[in-house]
Amino acid sequence: MYIVIVGGGRAGHSLAKTLLEEGHEVLVVDKRDEVCEEINEELGSICEVGDGCDANVLLEAGVERADMFVALTGSDEDNLVACQLAKHRFSVPRTAARVNNPSHEALFKGLGIDITVSSINLVLEQIEHEVPTRFLTHLVTLDNASLEIVQVKIPEGSVVAGNTVGQVDLPNGALITLLLRDNLPPQRPNGNTVLQAGDDVLVVINRECEEALRLALTQEAAPKAEAE
């Protein structure tokens, strides 16, 4: 997917980094030279200086071919205008806007913004529904800042599909607390619970072990050798 992000602050920077790591094409637009310099130094030349409310700037950013447009500035007015331009001038199929003042949400919805959010994690969740390649979603950071609850979808072909929870080589301290399967009621898994492709599991994890958890639950099983 090609995703244009207006606003290179902490939220935009974090979202861009995550999407790049997952293989998406990303362009960030921000008015501030220093913000673009910082992003480009860390992530490569993906940030352009400009006003996301300017149609010419968006045109230069190639927004007409974008699959999704996300406005994450600190100004509700700017986010609304940028999304309106993307949707109605350039026909971007999906738009998402950060709503800093909750009282503005009805206005955003009424004007056709597809997704209104107040948290970067909600943006990522929405993109996950649009792009099923994202298997791990942050849900909650616990009071102990080193711990968090994440949701992981077990994909087709995962090495753990068909194994019990007790057989999974989880990172040290990781705890699967809830299993969501199709339209069935949530269940608390135990060591004998068999995991299936398509399951969603909620896991309490040390944030430093997040990548190890993702690999443990989503890496593909090795192909079976063909019988001679």
C-alpha atoms as a PDB file:
ATOM      1  CA  MET A   1       0.000   0.000   0.000  1.00  0.00           C
ATOM      2  CA  TYR A   2       1.011   3.607  -0.582  1.00  0.00           C
ATOM      3  CA  ILE A   3       0.104   5.699   2.460  1.00  0.00           C
ATOM      4  CA  VAL A   4       0.499   9.469   2.753  1.00  0.00           C
ATOM      5  CA  ILE A   5       0.782  10.886   6.268  1.00  0.00           C
ATOM      6  CA  VAL A   6       0.338  14.590   6.983  1.00  0.00           C
ATOM      7  CA  GLY A   7       2.015  15.523  10.249  1.00  0.00           C
ATOM      8  CA  GLY A   8       5.453  14.259  11.194  1.00  0.00           C
ATOM      9  CA  GLY A   9       5.204  14.664  14.952  1.00  0.00           C
ATOM     10  CA  ARG A  10       5.504  11.781  17.378  1.00  0.00           C
ATOM     11  CA  ALA A  11       2.347  10.067  16.099  1.00  0.00           C
ATOM     12  CA  GLY A  12       3.202  10.484  12.416  1.00  0.00           C
ATOM     13  CA  HIS A  13       6.823   9.480  12.948  1.00  0.00           C
ATOM     14  CA  SER A  14       5.827   6.340  14.847  1.00  0.00           C
ATOM     15  CA  LEU A  15       3.197   5.342  12.303  1.00  0.00           C
ATOM     16  CA  ALA A  16       5.578   5.871   9.377  1.00  0.00           C
ATOM     17  CA  LYS A  17       8.279   3.768  11.022  1.00  0.00           C
ATOM     18  CA  THR A  18       5.884   0.902  11.705  1.00  0.00           C
ATOM     19  CA  LEU A  19       4.463   0.909   8.194  1.00  0.00           C
ATOM     20  CA  LEU A  20       7.916   0.967   6.612  1.00  0.00           C
ATOM     21  CA  GLU A  21       8.982  -2.007   8.717  1.00  0.00           C
ATOM     22  CA  GLU A  22       5.986  -3.883   7.343  1.00  0.00           C
ATOM     23  CA  GLY A  23       6.931  -3.164   3.754  1.00  0.00           C
ATOM     24  CA  HIS A  24       4.511  -0.376   2.846  1.00  0.00           C
ATOM     25  CA  GLU A  25       5.408   2.684   0.787  1.00  0.00           C
ATOM     26  CA  VAL A  26       5.101   5.804   2.940  1.00  0.00           C
ATOM     27  CA  LEU A  27       5.424   9.543   2.425  1.00  0.00           C
ATOM     28  CA  VAL A  28       5.213  12.072   5.278  1.00  0.00           C
ATOM     29  CA  VAL A  29       4.386  15.739   4.713  1.00  0.00           C
ATOM     30  CA  ASP A  30       5.199  18.286   7.418  1.00  0.00           C
ATOM     31  CA  LYS A  31       5.596  22.062   7.491  1.00  0.00           C
ATOM     32  CA  ARG A  32       8.698  21.979   9.694  1.00  0.00           C
ATOM     33  CA  ASP A  33      12.159  21.614   8.193  1.00  0.00           C
ATOM     34  CA  GLU A  34      13.643  20.192  11.383  1.00  0.00           C
ATOM     35  CA  VAL A  35      10.942  17.511  11.652  1.00  0.00           C
ATOM     36  CA  CYS A  36      11.543  16.333   8.087  1.00  0.00           C
ATOM     37  CA  GLU A  37      15.299  16.305   8.648  1.00  0.00           C
ATOM     38  CA  GLU A  38      14.911  14.107  11.714  1.00  0.00           C
ATOM     39  CA  ILE A  39      12.577  11.659   9.943  1.00  0.00           C
ATOM     40  CA  ASN A  40      14.753  11.480   6.846  1.00  0.00           C
ATOM     41  CA  GLU A  41      17.889  10.855   8.900  1.00  0.00           C
ATOM     42  CA  GLU A  42      16.256   7.939  10.699  1.00  0.00           C
ATOM     43  CA  LEU A  43      13.930   6.439   8.089  1.00  0.00           C
ATOM     44  CA  GLY A  44      15.341   7.544   4.730  1.00  0.00           C
ATOM     45  CA  SER A  45      14.058  10.184   2.325  1.00  0.00           C
ATOM     46  CA  ILE A  46      10.366   9.744   3.048  1.00  0.00           C
ATOM     47  CA  CYS A  47       9.450  13.199   4.402  1.00  0.00           C
ATOM     48  CA  GLU A  48       8.777  16.328   2.345  1.00  0.00           C
ATOM     49  CA  VAL A  49       8.443  19.861   3.690  1.00  0.00           C
ATOM     50  CA  GLY A  50       5.078  21.362   2.841  1.00  0.00           C
ATOM     51  CA  ASP A  51       1.560  22.247   3.937  1.00  0.00           C
ATOM     52  CA  GLY A  52      -0.734  19.219   3.814  1.00  0.00           C
ATOM     53  CA  CYS A  53      -3.678  21.570   3.246  1.00  0.00           C
ATOM     54  CA  ASP A  54      -2.164  22.778  -0.051  1.00  0.00           C
ATOM     55  CA  ALA A  55      -3.443  20.875  -3.094  1.00  0.00           C
ATOM     56  CA  ASN A  56      -0.202  21.510  -5.002  1.00  0.00           C
ATOM     57  CA  VAL A  57       1.849  20.003  -2.178  1.00  0.00           C
ATOM     58  CA  LEU A  58      -0.361  16.915  -2.134  1.00  0.00           C
ATOM     59  CA  LEU A  59      -0.140  16.637  -5.897  1.00  0.00           C
ATOM     60  CA  GLU A  60       3.667  16.654  -5.700  1.00  0.00           C
ATOM     61  CA  ALA A  61       3.418  13.985  -3.005  1.00  0.00           C
ATOM     62  CA  GLY A  62       1.596  11.726  -5.476  1.00  0.00           C
ATOM     63  CA  VAL A  63      -1.504  11.574  -3.309  1.00  0.00           C
ATOM     64  CA  GLU A  64      -3.669  10.735  -6.330  1.00  0.00           C
ATOM     65  CA  ARG A  65      -2.217   7.198  -6.282  1.00  0.00           C
ATOM     66  CA  ALA A  66      -2.390   6.761  -2.498  1.00  0.00           C
ATOM     67  CA  ASP A  67      -4.371   3.861  -1.063  1.00  0.00           C
ATOM     68  CA  MET A  68      -4.816   5.637   2.251  1.00  0.00           C
ATOM     69  CA  PHE A  69      -4.371   9.171   3.563  1.00  0.00           C
ATOM     70  CA  VAL A  70      -3.781   9.891   7.271  1.00  0.00           C
ATOM     71  CA  ALA A  71      -3.806  13.377   8.826  1.00  0.00           C
ATOM     72  CA  LEU A  72      -2.141  13.468  12.256  1.00  0.00           C
ATOM     73  CA  THR A  73      -1.380  17.131  12.918  1.00  0.00           C
ATOM     74  CA  GLY A  74      -2.238  18.882  16.161  1.00  0.00           C
ATOM     75  CA  SER A  75      -4.863  21.002  14.377  1.00  0.00           C
ATOM     76  CA  ASP A  76      -8.335  19.566  13.786  1.00  0.00           C
ATOM     77  CA  GLU A  77      -8.945  22.196  11.122  1.00  0.00           C
ATOM     78  CA  ASP A  78      -5.819  21.201   9.194  1.00  0.00           C
ATOM     79  CA  ASN A  79      -6.627  17.497   9.514  1.00  0.00           C
ATOM     80  CA  LEU A  80     -10.144  18.042   8.212  1.00  0.00           C
ATOM     81  CA  VAL A  81      -9.076  20.194   5.268  1.00  0.00           C
ATOM     82  CA  ALA A  82      -6.259  17.814   4.287  1.00  0.00           C
ATOM     83  CA  CYS A  83      -8.566  14.792   4.331  1.00  0.00           C
ATOM     84  CA  GLN A  84     -11.241  16.644   2.365  1.00  0.00           C
ATOM     85  CA  LEU A  85      -8.678  17.480  -0.325  1.00  0.00           C
ATOM     86  CA  ALA A  86      -7.403  13.920  -0.443  1.00  0.00           C
ATOM     87  CA  LYS A  87     -10.872  12.414  -0.679  1.00  0.00           C
ATOM     88  CA  HIS A  88     -12.721  14.832  -2.952  1.00  0.00           C
ATOM     89  CA  ARG A  89      -9.938  16.373  -5.039  1.00  0.00           C
ATOM     90  CA  PHE A  90      -7.709  13.341  -5.450  1.00  0.00           C
ATOM     91  CA  SER A  91     -10.189  10.470  -4.874  1.00  0.00           C
ATOM     92  CA  VAL A  92      -8.123   8.681  -2.203  1.00  0.00           C
ATOM     93  CA  PRO A  93     -10.288   5.685  -1.222  1.00  0.00           C
ATOM     94  CA  ARG A  94      -9.646   5.779   2.548  1.00  0.00           C
ATOM     95  CA  THR A  95      -8.964   8.743   4.812  1.00  0.00           C
ATOM     96  CA  ALA A  96      -8.166   8.825   8.520  1.00  0.00           C
ATOM     97  CA  ALA A  97      -7.946  11.920  10.701  1.00  0.00           C
ATOM     98  CA  ARG A  98      -6.742  12.553  14.206  1.00  0.00           C
ATOM     99  CA  VAL A  99      -9.422  14.369  16.216  1.00  0.00           C
ATOM    100  CA  ASN A 100      -7.837  16.393  18.986  1.00  0.00           C
ATOM    101  CA  ASN A 101     -11.147  17.751  20.276  1.00  0.00           C
ATOM    102  CA  PRO A 102     -13.697  14.915  20.718  1.00  0.00           C
ATOM    103  CA  SER A 103     -16.579  17.340  20.128  1.00  0.00           C
ATOM    104  CA  HIS A 104     -15.420  17.634  16.502  1.00  0.00           C
ATOM    105  CA  GLU A 105     -15.783  13.927  15.743  1.00  0.00           C
ATOM    106  CA  ALA A 106     -19.396  14.172  14.533  1.00  0.00           C
ATOM    107  CA  LEU A 107     -18.402  16.953  12.136  1.00  0.00           C
ATOM    108  CA  PHE A 108     -15.547  14.865  10.719  1.00  0.00           C
ATOM    109  CA  LYS A 109     -17.852  11.880  10.225  1.00  0.00           C
ATOM    110  CA  GLY A 110     -20.547  14.065   8.686  1.00  0.00           C
ATOM    111  CA  LEU A 111     -18.066  15.407   6.146  1.00  0.00           C
ATOM    112  CA  GLY A 112     -17.083  11.951   4.975  1.00  0.00           C
ATOM    113  CA  ILE A 113     -13.854  11.193   6.843  1.00  0.00           C
ATOM    114  CA  ASP A 114     -13.730   7.389   6.907  1.00  0.00           C
ATOM    115  CA  ILE A 115     -11.841   6.953  10.180  1.00  0.00           C
ATOM    116  CA  THR A 116     -11.666   9.369  13.099  1.00  0.00           C
ATOM    117  CA  VAL A 117      -9.211   8.494  15.836  1.00  0.00           C
ATOM    118  CA  SER A 118      -7.568  10.015  18.860  1.00  0.00           C
ATOM    119  CA  SER A 119      -4.816   7.416  19.271  1.00  0.00           C
ATOM    120  CA  ILE A 120      -2.025   6.193  17.016  1.00  0.00           C
ATOM    121  CA  ASN A 121      -2.848   2.628  18.015  1.00  0.00           C
ATOM    122  CA  LEU A 122      -6.364   2.994  16.639  1.00  0.00           C
ATOM    123  CA  VAL A 123      -4.930   4.151  13.323  1.00  0.00           C
ATOM    124  CA  LEU A 124      -2.787   1.031  13.212  1.00  0.00           C
ATOM    125  CA  GLU A 125      -5.784  -1.152  14.027  1.00  0.00           C
ATOM    126  CA  GLN A 126      -7.759   0.356  11.162  1.00  0.00           C
ATOM    127  CA  ILE A 127      -4.877  -0.167   8.749  1.00  0.00           C
ATOM    128  CA  GLU A 128      -4.656  -3.758   9.947  1.00  0.00           C
ATOM    129  CA  HIS A 129      -8.240  -4.299   8.769  1.00  0.00           C
ATOM    130  CA  GLU A 130      -7.369  -2.753   5.394  1.00  0.00           C
ATOM    131  CA  VAL A 131      -4.072  -4.607   5.069  1.00  0.00           C
ATOM    132  CA  PRO A 132      -4.103  -8.091   6.580  1.00  0.00           C
ATOM    133  CA  THR A 133      -0.288  -8.269   6.632  1.00  0.00           C
ATOM    134  CA  ARG A 134      -0.202  -6.602  10.008  1.00  0.00           C
ATOM    135  CA  PHE A 135      -0.366  -9.378  12.612  1.00  0.00           C
ATOM    136  CA  LEU A 136       0.527  -7.585  15.857  1.00  0.00           C
ATOM    137  CA  THR A 137      -1.457  -4.696  17.324  1.00  0.00           C
ATOM    138  CA  HIS A 138      -0.692  -2.745  20.502  1.00  0.00           C
ATOM    139  CA  LEU A 139      -3.695  -2.559  22.813  1.00  0.00           C
ATOM    140  CA  VAL A 140      -2.649  -1.317  26.260  1.00  0.00           C
ATOM    141  CA  THR A 141       0.515  -0.123  27.990  1.00  0.00           C
ATOM    142  CA  LEU A 142       0.314  -1.238  31.620  1.00  0.00           C
ATOM    143  CA  ASP A 143       1.173   0.897  34.640  1.00  0.00           C
ATOM    144  CA  ASN A 144       4.517  -0.823  34.627  1.00  0.00           C
ATOM    145  CA  ALA A 145       5.779   0.895  31.464  1.00  0.00           C
ATOM    146  CA  SER A 146       7.850  -2.120  30.451  1.00  0.00           C
ATOM    147  CA  LEU A 147       4.742  -4.305  30.046  1.00  0.00           C
ATOM    148  CA  GLU A 148       2.004  -4.127  27.437  1.00  0.00           C
ATOM    149  CA  ILE A 149      -0.908  -6.109  26.097  1.00  0.00           C
ATOM    150  CA  VAL A 150      -0.786  -6.895  22.389  1.00  0.00           C
ATOM    151  CA  GLN A 151      -3.109  -8.729  20.046  1.00  0.00           C
ATOM    152  CA  VAL A 152      -1.548 -11.187  17.608  1.00  0.00           C
ATOM    153  CA  LYS A 153      -3.344 -12.879  14.709  1.00  0.00           C
ATOM    154  CA  ILE A 154      -2.030 -16.306  13.839  1.00  0.00           C
ATOM    155  CA  PRO A 155      -1.746 -16.415  10.024  1.00  0.00           C
ATOM    156  CA  GLU A 156      -2.265 -19.296   7.637  1.00  0.00           C
ATOM    157  CA  GLY A 157       0.848 -21.457   7.536  1.00  0.00           C
ATOM    158  CA  SER A 158       2.105 -20.329  10.954  1.00  0.00           C
ATOM    159  CA  VAL A 159       4.461 -22.766  12.638  1.00  0.00           C
ATOM    160  CA  VAL A 160       2.253 -22.754  15.766  1.00  0.00           C
ATOM    161  CA  ALA A 161      -1.040 -23.562  14.011  1.00  0.00           C
ATOM    162  CA  GLY A 162      -2.134 -26.991  15.261  1.00  0.00           C
ATOM    163  CA  ASN A 163       0.118 -26.852  18.324  1.00  0.00           C
ATOM    164  CA  THR A 164      -0.984 -26.425  21.901  1.00  0.00           C
ATOM    165  CA  VAL A 165      -0.182 -23.298  23.871  1.00  0.00           C
ATOM    166  CA  GLY A 166       2.197 -25.365  25.967  1.00  0.00           C
ATOM    167  CA  GLN A 167       4.182 -26.336  22.872  1.00  0.00           C
ATOM    168  CA  VAL A 168       4.750 -22.746  21.738  1.00  0.00           C
ATOM    169  CA  ASP A 169       8.216 -21.331  22.443  1.00  0.00           C
ATOM    170  CA  LEU A 170       7.117 -17.959  23.827  1.00  0.00           C
ATOM    171  CA  PRO A 171       9.591 -15.265  24.933  1.00  0.00           C
ATOM    172  CA  ASN A 172      10.457 -15.343  28.614  1.00  0.00           C
ATOM    173  CA  GLY A 173       7.614 -13.923  30.713  1.00  0.00           C
ATOM    174  CA  ALA A 174       5.057 -13.744  27.870  1.00  0.00           C
ATOM    175  CA  LEU A 175       1.570 -14.871  28.889  1.00  0.00           C
ATOM    176  CA  ILE A 176      -1.319 -15.638  26.540  1.00  0.00           C
ATOM    177  CA  THR A 177      -4.352 -14.392  28.464  1.00  0.00           C
ATOM    178  CA  LEU A 178      -7.242 -14.612  26.002  1.00  0.00           C
ATOM    179  CA  LEU A 179      -8.134 -16.452  22.794  1.00  0.00           C
ATOM    180  CA  LEU A 180     -10.570 -15.038  20.217  1.00  0.00           C
ATOM    181  CA  ARG A 181     -11.819 -17.425  17.524  1.00  0.00           C
ATOM    182  CA  ASP A 182     -14.369 -16.585  14.840  1.00  0.00           C
ATOM    183  CA  ASN A 183     -17.680 -15.659  16.493  1.00  0.00           C
ATOM    184  CA  LEU A 184     -17.165 -17.866  19.544  1.00  0.00           C
ATOM    185  CA  PRO A 185     -17.081 -16.388  23.068  1.00  0.00           C
ATOM    186  CA  PRO A 186     -13.584 -15.365  24.247  1.00  0.00           C
ATOM    187  CA  GLN A 187     -11.822 -18.123  26.153  1.00  0.00           C
ATOM    188  CA  ARG A 188      -8.940 -18.294  28.595  1.00  0.00           C
ATOM    189  CA  PRO A 189      -6.460 -20.732  27.085  1.00  0.00           C
ATOM    190  CA  ASN A 190      -4.445 -23.247  29.059  1.00  0.00           C
ATOM    191  CA  GLY A 191      -1.422 -25.298  28.130  1.00  0.00           C
ATOM    192  CA  ASN A 192      -3.593 -27.844  26.300  1.00  0.00           C
ATOM    193  CA  THR A 193      -5.487 -25.330  24.149  1.00  0.00           C
ATOM    194  CA  VAL A 194      -4.789 -25.941  20.448  1.00  0.00           C
ATOM    195  CA  LEU A 195      -4.067 -22.822  18.395  1.00  0.00           C
ATOM    196  CA  GLN A 196      -5.526 -22.454  14.904  1.00  0.00           C
ATOM    197  CA  ALA A 197      -4.791 -20.209  11.932  1.00  0.00           C
ATOM    198  CA  GLY A 198      -7.025 -17.152  12.157  1.00  0.00           C
ATOM    199  CA  ASP A 199      -7.046 -17.115  15.963  1.00  0.00           C
ATOM    200  CA  ASP A 200      -6.426 -13.819  17.728  1.00  0.00           C
ATOM    201  CA  VAL A 201      -4.549 -14.074  21.010  1.00  0.00           C
ATOM    202  CA  LEU A 202      -4.050 -11.381  23.635  1.00  0.00           C
ATOM    203  CA  VAL A 203      -0.621 -11.534  25.207  1.00  0.00           C
ATOM    204  CA  VAL A 204       0.989  -9.741  28.136  1.00  0.00           C
ATOM    205  CA  ILE A 205       4.574  -9.140  27.096  1.00  0.00           C
ATOM    206  CA  ASN A 206       7.668  -7.159  27.973  1.00  0.00           C
ATOM    207  CA  ARG A 207       7.864  -4.572  25.206  1.00  0.00           C
ATOM    208  CA  GLU A 208      11.505  -5.499  24.534  1.00  0.00           C
ATOM    209  CA  CYS A 209      10.361  -9.019  23.577  1.00  0.00           C
ATOM    210  CA  GLU A 210       7.693  -7.893  21.123  1.00  0.00           C
ATOM    211  CA  GLU A 211       9.575  -8.860  17.968  1.00  0.00           C
ATOM    212  CA  ALA A 212      10.429 -12.273  19.405  1.00  0.00           C
ATOM    213  CA  LEU A 213       6.744 -12.810  20.173  1.00  0.00           C
ATOM    214  CA  ARG A 214       5.696 -11.824  16.657  1.00  0.00           C
ATOM    215  CA  LEU A 215       8.173 -14.276  15.164  1.00  0.00           C
ATOM    216  CA  ALA A 216       7.170 -17.056  17.545  1.00  0.00           C
ATOM    217  CA  LEU A 217       3.492 -16.827  16.596  1.00  0.00           C
ATOM    218  CA  THR A 218       3.525 -15.764  12.953  1.00  0.00           C
ATOM    219  CA  GLN A 219       6.578 -17.280  11.260  1.00  0.00           C
ATOM    220  CA  GLU A 220       5.745 -19.795   8.568  1.00  0.00           C
ATOM    221  CA  ALA A 221       6.279 -23.487   9.115  1.00  0.00           C
ATOM    222  CA  ALA A 222       9.037 -25.075   7.054  1.00  0.00           C
ATOM    223  CA  PRO A 223       7.680 -26.887   3.990  1.00  0.00           C
ATOM    224  CA  LYS A 224       7.462 -30.638   4.358  1.00  0.00           C
ATOM    225  CA  ALA A 225       9.890 -32.655   2.271  1.00  0.00           C
ATOM    226  CA  GLU A 226       8.225 -34.506  -0.580  1.00  0.00           C
ATOM    227  CA  ALA A 227       8.190 -38.259  -0.261  1.00  0.00           C
ATOM    228  CA  GLU A 228      10.385 -40.042  -2.781  1.00  0.00           C
END
